[in-house]
Amino acid sequence: MFNKLKQFKDLRSQAKDLQGKLAAESITVNSAGGKIIMTMDGNLTMTALAIDPELLTPDKKDKLENGIKDAHAEAVKKIQRIMAMKMKDMGGLPNIGGLS
């Protein structure tokens, strides 16, 4: 039982370490031909969004909405790749009996 508690403590420690490393990561993507620029950190928090004023007109609403969705999707994919690499570098998730 104490061994499992130690494993849980180690797992929590690894998760905090990974979260700290991811917070230091940042990616920037663009969409709509470079008219929308989004920056996201490794914890999936959008830290910046720049929109070309040309897209801020009612007739460009659909293009703006789609551009933001596309930028967000691309940013999440890139951060997920970074997360996977960081986890791999840390040795992956430990095998805790009963949770697999």
PDB file of N, CA and C in Angstrom:
ATOM      1  N   MET A   1       0.816  -1.186   0.000  1.00  0.00           N
ATOM      2  CA  MET A   1       0.000   0.000   0.000  1.00  0.00           C
ATOM      3  C   MET A   1       0.867   1.259   0.000  1.00  0.00           C
ATOM      4  N   PHE A   2       1.920   1.267   0.817  1.00  0.00           N
ATOM      5  CA  PHE A   2       2.802   2.429   0.852  1.00  0.00           C
ATOM      6  C   PHE A   2       3.526   2.609  -0.472  1.00  0.00           C
ATOM      7  N   ASN A   3       3.805   1.497  -1.134  1.00  0.00           N
ATOM      8  CA  ASN A   3       4.460   1.570  -2.442  1.00  0.00           C
ATOM      9  C   ASN A   3       3.556   2.291  -3.444  1.00  0.00           C
ATOM     10  N   LYS A   4       2.261   1.987  -3.420  1.00  0.00           N
ATOM     11  CA  LYS A   4       1.316   2.652  -4.340  1.00  0.00           C
ATOM     12  C   LYS A   4       1.207   4.132  -4.013  1.00  0.00           C
ATOM     13  N   LEU A   5       1.197   4.477  -2.715  1.00  0.00           N
ATOM     14  CA  LEU A   5       1.149   5.886  -2.334  1.00  0.00           C
ATOM     15  C   LEU A   5       2.378   6.624  -2.843  1.00  0.00           C
ATOM     16  N   LYS A   6       3.544   5.979  -2.756  1.00  0.00           N
ATOM     17  CA  LYS A   6       4.769   6.588  -3.264  1.00  0.00           C
ATOM     18  C   LYS A   6       4.671   6.775  -4.774  1.00  0.00           C
ATOM     19  N   GLN A   7       4.106   5.785  -5.471  1.00  0.00           N
ATOM     20  CA  GLN A   7       3.945   5.894  -6.920  1.00  0.00           C
ATOM     21  C   GLN A   7       3.023   7.061  -7.280  1.00  0.00           C
ATOM     22  N   PHE A   8       1.932   7.218  -6.527  1.00  0.00           N
ATOM     23  CA  PHE A   8       1.023   8.337  -6.777  1.00  0.00           C
ATOM     24  C   PHE A   8       1.722   9.669  -6.525  1.00  0.00           C
ATOM     25  N   LYS A   9       2.501   9.738  -5.464  1.00  0.00           N
ATOM     26  CA  LYS A   9       3.235  10.966  -5.154  1.00  0.00           C
ATOM     27  C   LYS A   9       4.233  11.277  -6.269  1.00  0.00           C
ATOM     28  N   ASP A  10       4.930  10.244  -6.743  1.00  0.00           N
ATOM     29  CA  ASP A  10       5.889  10.429  -7.838  1.00  0.00           C
ATOM     30  C   ASP A  10       5.177  10.883  -9.110  1.00  0.00           C
ATOM     31  N   LEU A  11       4.017  10.297  -9.388  1.00  0.00           N
ATOM     32  CA  LEU A  11       3.244  10.664 -10.578  1.00  0.00           C
ATOM     33  C   LEU A  11       2.799  12.120 -10.486  1.00  0.00           C
ATOM     34  N   ARG A  12       2.327  12.533  -9.312  1.00  0.00           N
ATOM     35  CA  ARG A  12       1.912  13.922  -9.122  1.00  0.00           C
ATOM     36  C   ARG A  12       3.092  14.868  -9.303  1.00  0.00           C
ATOM     37  N   SER A  13       4.229  14.464  -8.803  1.00  0.00           N
ATOM     38  CA  SER A  13       5.434  15.284  -8.949  1.00  0.00           C
ATOM     39  C   SER A  13       5.821  15.416 -10.428  1.00  0.00           C
ATOM     40  N   GLN A  14       5.746  14.309 -11.159  1.00  0.00           N
ATOM     41  CA  GLN A  14       6.051  14.338 -12.590  1.00  0.00           C
ATOM     42  C   GLN A  14       5.062  15.228 -13.329  1.00  0.00           C
ATOM     43  N   ALA A  15       3.785  15.157 -12.957  1.00  0.00           N
ATOM     44  CA  ALA A  15       2.764  15.973 -13.617  1.00  0.00           C
ATOM     45  C   ALA A  15       3.033  17.465 -13.372  1.00  0.00           C
ATOM     46  N   LYS A  16       3.400  17.821 -12.155  1.00  0.00           N
ATOM     47  CA  LYS A  16       3.717  19.223 -11.857  1.00  0.00           C
ATOM     48  C   LYS A  16       4.948  19.674 -12.630  1.00  0.00           C
ATOM     49  N   ASP A  17       5.938  18.795 -12.726  1.00  0.00           N
ATOM     50  CA  ASP A  17       7.147  19.111 -13.485  1.00  0.00           C
ATOM     51  C   ASP A  17       6.810  19.325 -14.957  1.00  0.00           C
ATOM     52  N   LEU A  18       5.984  18.442 -15.516  1.00  0.00           N
ATOM     53  CA  LEU A  18       5.573  18.566 -16.913  1.00  0.00           C
ATOM     54  C   LEU A  18       4.782  19.853 -17.125  1.00  0.00           C
ATOM     55  N   GLN A  19       3.881  20.174 -16.213  1.00  0.00           N
ATOM     56  CA  GLN A  19       3.085  21.392 -16.341  1.00  0.00           C
ATOM     57  C   GLN A  19       3.989  22.626 -16.332  1.00  0.00           C
ATOM     58  N   GLY A  20       5.006  22.618 -15.483  1.00  0.00           N
ATOM     59  CA  GLY A  20       5.947  23.736 -15.445  1.00  0.00           C
ATOM     60  C   GLY A  20       6.721  23.873 -16.739  1.00  0.00           C
ATOM     61  N   LYS A  21       7.163  22.736 -17.275  1.00  0.00           N
ATOM     62  CA  LYS A  21       7.897  22.770 -18.547  1.00  0.00           C
ATOM     63  C   LYS A  21       7.008  23.237 -19.690  1.00  0.00           C
ATOM     64  N   LEU A  22       5.759  22.807 -19.675  1.00  0.00           N
ATOM     65  CA  LEU A  22       4.841  23.212 -20.744  1.00  0.00           C
ATOM     66  C   LEU A  22       4.491  24.688 -20.659  1.00  0.00           C
ATOM     67  N   ALA A  23       4.409  25.221 -19.456  1.00  0.00           N
ATOM     68  CA  ALA A  23       4.096  26.640 -19.299  1.00  0.00           C
ATOM     69  C   ALA A  23       5.159  27.505 -19.957  1.00  0.00           C
ATOM     70  N   ALA A  24       6.374  26.998 -20.016  1.00  0.00           N
ATOM     71  CA  ALA A  24       7.479  27.751 -20.631  1.00  0.00           C
ATOM     72  C   ALA A  24       7.440  27.687 -22.162  1.00  0.00           C
ATOM     73  N   GLU A  25       6.653  26.766 -22.709  1.00  0.00           N
ATOM     74  CA  GLU A  25       6.539  26.629 -24.161  1.00  0.00           C
ATOM     75  C   GLU A  25       5.551  27.647 -24.708  1.00  0.00           C
ATOM     76  N   SER A  26       5.770  28.061 -25.938  1.00  0.00           N
ATOM     77  CA  SER A  26       4.855  28.987 -26.589  1.00  0.00           C
ATOM     78  C   SER A  26       4.953  28.768 -28.091  1.00  0.00           C
ATOM     79  N   ILE A  27       3.808  28.767 -28.754  1.00  0.00           N
ATOM     80  CA  ILE A  27       3.801  28.644 -30.206  1.00  0.00           C
ATOM     81  C   ILE A  27       2.923  29.749 -30.778  1.00  0.00           C
ATOM     82  N   THR A  28       3.242  30.142 -31.996  1.00  0.00           N
ATOM     83  CA  THR A  28       2.459  31.148 -32.705  1.00  0.00           C
ATOM     84  C   THR A  28       2.067  30.568 -34.058  1.00  0.00           C
ATOM     85  N   VAL A  29       0.788  30.694 -34.384  1.00  0.00           N
ATOM     86  CA  VAL A  29       0.277  30.212 -35.671  1.00  0.00           C
ATOM     87  C   VAL A  29      -0.495  31.353 -36.325  1.00  0.00           C
ATOM     88  N   ASN A  30      -0.684  31.208 -37.635  1.00  0.00           N
ATOM     89  CA  ASN A  30      -1.510  32.205 -38.321  1.00  0.00           C
ATOM     90  C   ASN A  30      -2.467  31.507 -39.268  1.00  0.00           C
ATOM     91  N   SER A  31      -3.536  32.208 -39.577  1.00  0.00           N
ATOM     92  CA  SER A  31      -4.529  31.681 -40.516  1.00  0.00           C
ATOM     93  C   SER A  31      -5.118  32.852 -41.285  1.00  0.00           C
ATOM     94  N   ALA A  32      -6.026  32.532 -42.159  1.00  0.00           N
ATOM     95  CA  ALA A  32      -6.674  33.541 -43.012  1.00  0.00           C
ATOM     96  C   ALA A  32      -5.621  34.356 -43.764  1.00  0.00           C
ATOM     97  N   GLY A  33      -4.646  33.656 -44.301  1.00  0.00           N
ATOM     98  CA  GLY A  33      -3.607  34.332 -45.077  1.00  0.00           C
ATOM     99  C   GLY A  33      -2.738  35.253 -44.241  1.00  0.00           C
ATOM    100  N   GLY A  34      -2.547  34.914 -42.968  1.00  0.00           N
ATOM    101  CA  GLY A  34      -1.713  35.730 -42.094  1.00  0.00           C
ATOM    102  C   GLY A  34      -2.455  36.887 -41.438  1.00  0.00           C
ATOM    103  N   LYS A  35      -3.763  36.951 -41.631  1.00  0.00           N
ATOM    104  CA  LYS A  35      -4.542  38.060 -41.067  1.00  0.00           C
ATOM    105  C   LYS A  35      -4.984  37.792 -39.627  1.00  0.00           C
ATOM    106  N   ILE A  36      -4.837  36.543 -39.195  1.00  0.00           N
ATOM    107  CA  ILE A  36      -5.122  36.182 -37.803  1.00  0.00           C
ATOM    108  C   ILE A  36      -3.875  35.498 -37.261  1.00  0.00           C
ATOM    109  N   ILE A  37      -3.351  36.017 -36.165  1.00  0.00           N
ATOM    110  CA  ILE A  37      -2.157  35.453 -35.541  1.00  0.00           C
ATOM    111  C   ILE A  37      -2.492  35.136 -34.089  1.00  0.00           C
ATOM    112  N   MET A  38      -2.275  33.869 -33.715  1.00  0.00           N
ATOM    113  CA  MET A  38      -2.605  33.421 -32.369  1.00  0.00           C
ATOM    114  C   MET A  38      -1.363  32.831 -31.707  1.00  0.00           C
ATOM    115  N   THR A  39      -1.187  33.163 -30.428  1.00  0.00           N
ATOM    116  CA  THR A  39      -0.103  32.584 -29.635  1.00  0.00           C
ATOM    117  C   THR A  39      -0.733  31.828 -28.482  1.00  0.00           C
ATOM    118  N   MET A  40      -0.207  30.613 -28.240  1.00  0.00           N
ATOM    119  CA  MET A  40      -0.734  29.754 -27.182  1.00  0.00           C
ATOM    120  C   MET A  40       0.430  29.194 -26.391  1.00  0.00           C
ATOM    121  N   ASP A  41       0.239  29.078 -25.066  1.00  0.00           N
ATOM    122  CA  ASP A  41       1.304  28.477 -24.268  1.00  0.00           C
ATOM    123  C   ASP A  41       1.068  26.973 -24.142  1.00  0.00           C
ATOM    124  N   GLY A  42       2.003  26.310 -23.514  1.00  0.00           N
ATOM    125  CA  GLY A  42       1.947  24.858 -23.411  1.00  0.00           C
ATOM    126  C   GLY A  42       0.844  24.323 -22.530  1.00  0.00           C
ATOM    127  N   ASN A  43       0.184  25.181 -21.779  1.00  0.00           N
ATOM    128  CA  ASN A  43      -0.955  24.762 -20.970  1.00  0.00           C
ATOM    129  C   ASN A  43      -2.274  25.055 -21.679  1.00  0.00           C
ATOM    130  N   LEU A  44      -2.207  25.265 -22.982  1.00  0.00           N
ATOM    131  CA  LEU A  44      -3.366  25.507 -23.845  1.00  0.00           C
ATOM    132  C   LEU A  44      -4.100  26.803 -23.518  1.00  0.00           C
ATOM    133  N   THR A  45      -3.363  27.777 -23.030  1.00  0.00           N
ATOM    134  CA  THR A  45      -3.935  29.090 -22.781  1.00  0.00           C
ATOM    135  C   THR A  45      -3.552  30.013 -23.925  1.00  0.00           C
ATOM    136  N   MET A  46      -4.552  30.637 -24.542  1.00  0.00           N
ATOM    137  CA  MET A  46      -4.260  31.595 -25.598  1.00  0.00           C
ATOM    138  C   MET A  46      -3.670  32.834 -24.930  1.00  0.00           C
ATOM    139  N   THR A  47      -2.475  33.190 -25.322  1.00  0.00           N
ATOM    140  CA  THR A  47      -1.804  34.332 -24.694  1.00  0.00           C
ATOM    141  C   THR A  47      -1.837  35.581 -25.554  1.00  0.00           C
ATOM    142  N   ALA A  48      -2.136  35.435 -26.842  1.00  0.00           N
ATOM    143  CA  ALA A  48      -2.236  36.603 -27.720  1.00  0.00           C
ATOM    144  C   ALA A  48      -3.085  36.246 -28.936  1.00  0.00           C
ATOM    145  N   LEU A  49      -3.793  37.242 -29.426  1.00  0.00           N
ATOM    146  CA  LEU A  49      -4.590  37.097 -30.642  1.00  0.00           C
ATOM    147  C   LEU A  49      -4.565  38.430 -31.371  1.00  0.00           C
ATOM    148  N   ALA A  50      -4.082  38.413 -32.594  1.00  0.00           N
ATOM    149  CA  ALA A  50      -4.044  39.628 -33.412  1.00  0.00           C
ATOM    150  C   ALA A  50      -4.901  39.384 -34.656  1.00  0.00           C
ATOM    151  N   ILE A  51      -5.778  40.329 -34.924  1.00  0.00           N
ATOM    152  CA  ILE A  51      -6.686  40.219 -36.074  1.00  0.00           C
ATOM    153  C   ILE A  51      -6.516  41.455 -36.938  1.00  0.00           C
ATOM    154  N   ASP A  52      -6.266  41.227 -38.212  1.00  0.00           N
ATOM    155  CA  ASP A  52      -6.162  42.331 -39.160  1.00  0.00           C
ATOM    156  C   ASP A  52      -7.503  43.073 -39.189  1.00  0.00           C
ATOM    157  N   PRO A  53      -7.492  44.392 -39.069  1.00  0.00           N
ATOM    158  CA  PRO A  53      -8.739  45.171 -39.069  1.00  0.00           C
ATOM    159  C   PRO A  53      -9.627  44.922 -40.295  1.00  0.00           C
ATOM    160  N   GLU A  54      -9.015  44.486 -41.372  1.00  0.00           N
ATOM    161  CA  GLU A  54      -9.794  44.199 -42.588  1.00  0.00           C
ATOM    162  C   GLU A  54     -10.864  43.134 -42.328  1.00  0.00           C
ATOM    163  N   LEU A  55     -10.596  42.218 -41.385  1.00  0.00           N
ATOM    164  CA  LEU A  55     -11.550  41.147 -41.089  1.00  0.00           C
ATOM    165  C   LEU A  55     -12.635  41.570 -40.094  1.00  0.00           C
ATOM    166  N   LEU A  56     -12.575  42.777 -39.596  1.00  0.00           N
ATOM    167  CA  LEU A  56     -13.505  43.222 -38.563  1.00  0.00           C
ATOM    168  C   LEU A  56     -14.726  43.947 -39.136  1.00  0.00           C
ATOM    169  N   THR A  57     -15.147  43.522 -40.293  1.00  0.00           N
ATOM    170  CA  THR A  57     -16.342  44.098 -40.904  1.00  0.00           C
ATOM    171  C   THR A  57     -17.428  43.021 -40.946  1.00  0.00           C
ATOM    172  N   PRO A  58     -18.694  43.428 -40.882  1.00  0.00           N
ATOM    173  CA  PRO A  58     -19.781  42.436 -40.850  1.00  0.00           C
ATOM    174  C   PRO A  58     -19.762  41.452 -42.021  1.00  0.00           C
ATOM    175  N   ASP A  59     -19.347  41.901 -43.197  1.00  0.00           N
ATOM    176  CA  ASP A  59     -19.350  40.997 -44.350  1.00  0.00           C
ATOM    177  C   ASP A  59     -18.219  39.970 -44.297  1.00  0.00           C
ATOM    178  N   LYS A  60     -17.283  40.114 -43.383  1.00  0.00           N
ATOM    179  CA  LYS A  60     -16.174  39.156 -43.259  1.00  0.00           C
ATOM    180  C   LYS A  60     -16.315  38.294 -41.996  1.00  0.00           C
ATOM    181  N   LYS A  61     -17.494  38.325 -41.399  1.00  0.00           N
ATOM    182  CA  LYS A  61     -17.735  37.598 -40.149  1.00  0.00           C
ATOM    183  C   LYS A  61     -17.388  36.113 -40.271  1.00  0.00           C
ATOM    184  N   ASP A  62     -17.864  35.451 -41.323  1.00  0.00           N
ATOM    185  CA  ASP A  62     -17.599  34.025 -41.501  1.00  0.00           C
ATOM    186  C   ASP A  62     -16.108  33.741 -41.641  1.00  0.00           C
ATOM    187  N   LYS A  63     -15.427  34.575 -42.417  1.00  0.00           N
ATOM    188  CA  LYS A  63     -13.983  34.388 -42.609  1.00  0.00           C
ATOM    189  C   LYS A  63     -13.247  34.560 -41.278  1.00  0.00           C
ATOM    190  N   LEU A  64     -13.659  35.528 -40.486  1.00  0.00           N
ATOM    191  CA  LEU A  64     -13.048  35.762 -39.182  1.00  0.00           C
ATOM    192  C   LEU A  64     -13.276  34.564 -38.259  1.00  0.00           C
ATOM    193  N   GLU A  65     -14.511  34.103 -38.169  1.00  0.00           N
ATOM    194  CA  GLU A  65     -14.829  32.965 -37.303  1.00  0.00           C
ATOM    195  C   GLU A  65     -14.058  31.719 -37.712  1.00  0.00           C
ATOM    196  N   ASN A  66     -14.052  31.430 -39.008  1.00  0.00           N
ATOM    197  CA  ASN A  66     -13.332  30.253 -39.493  1.00  0.00           C
ATOM    198  C   ASN A  66     -11.830  30.385 -39.276  1.00  0.00           C
ATOM    199  N   GLY A  67     -11.313  31.579 -39.469  1.00  0.00           N
ATOM    200  CA  GLY A  67      -9.881  31.807 -39.258  1.00  0.00           C
ATOM    201  C   GLY A  67      -9.465  31.590 -37.821  1.00  0.00           C
ATOM    202  N   ILE A  68     -10.290  32.051 -36.888  1.00  0.00           N
ATOM    203  CA  ILE A  68      -9.979  31.856 -35.468  1.00  0.00           C
ATOM    204  C   ILE A  68     -10.051  30.371 -35.120  1.00  0.00           C
ATOM    205  N   LYS A  69     -11.070  29.676 -35.605  1.00  0.00           N
ATOM    206  CA  LYS A  69     -11.182  28.228 -35.355  1.00  0.00           C
ATOM    207  C   LYS A  69      -9.983  27.490 -35.939  1.00  0.00           C
ATOM    208  N   ASP A  70      -9.580  27.842 -37.159  1.00  0.00           N
ATOM    209  CA  ASP A  70      -8.436  27.177 -37.793  1.00  0.00           C
ATOM    210  C   ASP A  70      -7.144  27.428 -37.023  1.00  0.00           C
ATOM    211  N   ALA A  71      -6.936  28.666 -36.604  1.00  0.00           N
ATOM    212  CA  ALA A  71      -5.724  28.997 -35.847  1.00  0.00           C
ATOM    213  C   ALA A  71      -5.707  28.245 -34.519  1.00  0.00           C
ATOM    214  N   HIS A  72      -6.835  28.191 -33.850  1.00  0.00           N
ATOM    215  CA  HIS A  72      -6.914  27.489 -32.570  1.00  0.00           C
ATOM    216  C   HIS A  72      -6.630  26.004 -32.751  1.00  0.00           C
ATOM    217  N   ALA A  73      -7.240  25.386 -33.753  1.00  0.00           N
ATOM    218  CA  ALA A  73      -7.029  23.958 -34.001  1.00  0.00           C
ATOM    219  C   ALA A  73      -5.556  23.663 -34.295  1.00  0.00           C
ATOM    220  N   GLU A  74      -4.931  24.496 -35.107  1.00  0.00           N
ATOM    221  CA  GLU A  74      -3.516  24.291 -35.438  1.00  0.00           C
ATOM    222  C   GLU A  74      -2.638  24.474 -34.202  1.00  0.00           C
ATOM    223  N   ALA A  75      -2.948  25.474 -33.389  1.00  0.00           N
ATOM    224  CA  ALA A  75      -2.165  25.717 -32.174  1.00  0.00           C
ATOM    225  C   ALA A  75      -2.277  24.537 -31.218  1.00  0.00           C
ATOM    226  N   VAL A  76      -3.476  24.018 -31.031  1.00  0.00           N
ATOM    227  CA  VAL A  76      -3.674  22.877 -30.132  1.00  0.00           C
ATOM    228  C   VAL A  76      -2.892  21.660 -30.637  1.00  0.00           C
ATOM    229  N   LYS A  77      -2.939  21.401 -31.942  1.00  0.00           N
ATOM    230  CA  LYS A  77      -2.189  20.271 -32.505  1.00  0.00           C
ATOM    231  C   LYS A  77      -0.696  20.410 -32.229  1.00  0.00           C
ATOM    232  N   LYS A  78      -0.171  21.607 -32.438  1.00  0.00           N
ATOM    233  CA  LYS A  78       1.260  21.823 -32.219  1.00  0.00           C
ATOM    234  C   LYS A  78       1.622  21.658 -30.751  1.00  0.00           C
ATOM    235  N   ILE A  79       0.805  22.170 -29.858  1.00  0.00           N
ATOM    236  CA  ILE A  79       1.079  22.033 -28.426  1.00  0.00           C
ATOM    237  C   ILE A  79       0.974  20.567 -28.014  1.00  0.00           C
ATOM    238  N   GLN A  80       0.017  19.835 -28.572  1.00  0.00           N
ATOM    239  CA  GLN A  80      -0.104  18.414 -28.244  1.00  0.00           C
ATOM    240  C   GLN A  80       1.140  17.646 -28.680  1.00  0.00           C
ATOM    241  N   ARG A  81       1.713  18.008 -29.822  1.00  0.00           N
ATOM    242  CA  ARG A  81       2.964  17.370 -30.246  1.00  0.00           C
ATOM    243  C   ARG A  81       4.085  17.673 -29.259  1.00  0.00           C
ATOM    244  N   ILE A  82       4.145  18.928 -28.813  1.00  0.00           N
ATOM    245  CA  ILE A  82       5.163  19.316 -27.834  1.00  0.00           C
ATOM    246  C   ILE A  82       4.954  18.541 -26.534  1.00  0.00           C
ATOM    247  N   MET A  83       3.685  18.425 -26.092  1.00  0.00           N
ATOM    248  CA  MET A  83       3.381  17.664 -24.871  1.00  0.00           C
ATOM    249  C   MET A  83       3.859  16.223 -24.999  1.00  0.00           C
ATOM    250  N   ALA A  84       3.562  15.615 -26.132  1.00  0.00           N
ATOM    251  CA  ALA A  84       3.959  14.221 -26.343  1.00  0.00           C
ATOM    252  C   ALA A  84       5.471  14.076 -26.291  1.00  0.00           C
ATOM    253  N   MET A  85       6.185  14.985 -26.907  1.00  0.00           N
ATOM    254  CA  MET A  85       7.648  14.919 -26.887  1.00  0.00           C
ATOM    255  C   MET A  85       8.187  15.110 -25.470  1.00  0.00           C
ATOM    256  N   LYS A  86       7.616  16.059 -24.718  1.00  0.00           N
ATOM    257  CA  LYS A  86       8.061  16.301 -23.340  1.00  0.00           C
ATOM    258  C   LYS A  86       7.811  15.059 -22.481  1.00  0.00           C
ATOM    259  N   MET A  87       6.630  14.447 -22.658  1.00  0.00           N
ATOM    260  CA  MET A  87       6.327  13.243 -21.880  1.00  0.00           C
ATOM    261  C   MET A  87       7.278  12.114 -22.249  1.00  0.00           C
ATOM    262  N   LYS A  88       7.568  11.992 -23.535  1.00  0.00           N
ATOM    263  CA  LYS A  88       8.498  10.955 -23.979  1.00  0.00           C
ATOM    264  C   LYS A  88       9.882  11.207 -23.384  1.00  0.00           C
ATOM    265  N   ASP A  89      10.321  12.465 -23.385  1.00  0.00           N
ATOM    266  CA  ASP A  89      11.625  12.811 -22.815  1.00  0.00           C
ATOM    267  C   ASP A  89      11.690  12.521 -21.321  1.00  0.00           C
ATOM    268  N   MET A  90      10.536  12.623 -20.657  1.00  0.00           N
ATOM    269  CA  MET A  90      10.486  12.358 -19.214  1.00  0.00           C
ATOM    270  C   MET A  90      10.327  10.874 -18.919  1.00  0.00           C
ATOM    271  N   GLY A  91      10.241  10.064 -19.945  1.00  0.00           N
ATOM    272  CA  GLY A  91      10.118   8.625 -19.744  1.00  0.00           C
ATOM    273  C   GLY A  91       8.691   8.119 -19.810  1.00  0.00           C
ATOM    274  N   GLY A  92       7.767   8.946 -20.259  1.00  0.00           N
ATOM    275  CA  GLY A  92       6.373   8.526 -20.385  1.00  0.00           C
ATOM    276  C   GLY A  92       5.703   8.421 -19.034  1.00  0.00           C
ATOM    277  N   LEU A  93       4.506   7.869 -19.028  1.00  0.00           N
ATOM    278  CA  LEU A  93       3.766   7.696 -17.778  1.00  0.00           C
ATOM    279  C   LEU A  93       4.197   6.394 -17.120  1.00  0.00           C
ATOM    280  N   PRO A  94       4.371   6.412 -15.811  1.00  0.00           N
ATOM    281  CA  PRO A  94       4.742   5.167 -15.121  1.00  0.00           C
ATOM    282  C   PRO A  94       3.574   4.193 -15.116  1.00  0.00           C
ATOM    283  N   ASN A  95       3.879   2.920 -15.025  1.00  0.00           N
ATOM    284  CA  ASN A  95       2.847   1.884 -14.966  1.00  0.00           C
ATOM    285  C   ASN A  95       2.489   1.670 -13.500  1.00  0.00           C
ATOM    286  N   ILE A  96       1.311   2.141 -13.109  1.00  0.00           N
ATOM    287  CA  ILE A  96       0.858   1.956 -11.740  1.00  0.00           C
ATOM    288  C   ILE A  96      -0.173   0.844 -11.749  1.00  0.00           C
ATOM    289  N   GLY A  97       0.113  -0.227 -11.051  1.00  0.00           N
ATOM    290  CA  GLY A  97      -0.761  -1.375 -11.022  1.00  0.00           C
ATOM    291  C   GLY A  97      -2.184  -1.018 -10.647  1.00  0.00           C
ATOM    292  N   GLY A  98      -3.149  -1.595 -11.347  1.00  0.00           N
ATOM    293  CA  GLY A  98      -4.541  -1.346 -11.049  1.00  0.00           C
ATOM    294  C   GLY A  98      -5.117  -0.150 -11.792  1.00  0.00           C
ATOM    295  N   LEU A  99      -4.285   0.659 -12.411  1.00  0.00           N
ATOM    296  CA  LEU A  99      -4.773   1.817 -13.160  1.00  0.00           C
ATOM    297  C   LEU A  99      -4.635   1.633 -14.653  1.00  0.00           C
ATOM    298  N   SER A 100      -3.995   0.593 -15.076  1.00  0.00           N
ATOM    299  CA  SER A 100      -3.747   0.406 -16.509  1.00  0.00           C
ATOM    300  C   SER A 100      -4.920  -0.252 -17.173  1.00  0.00           C
TER     301      SER A 100
END
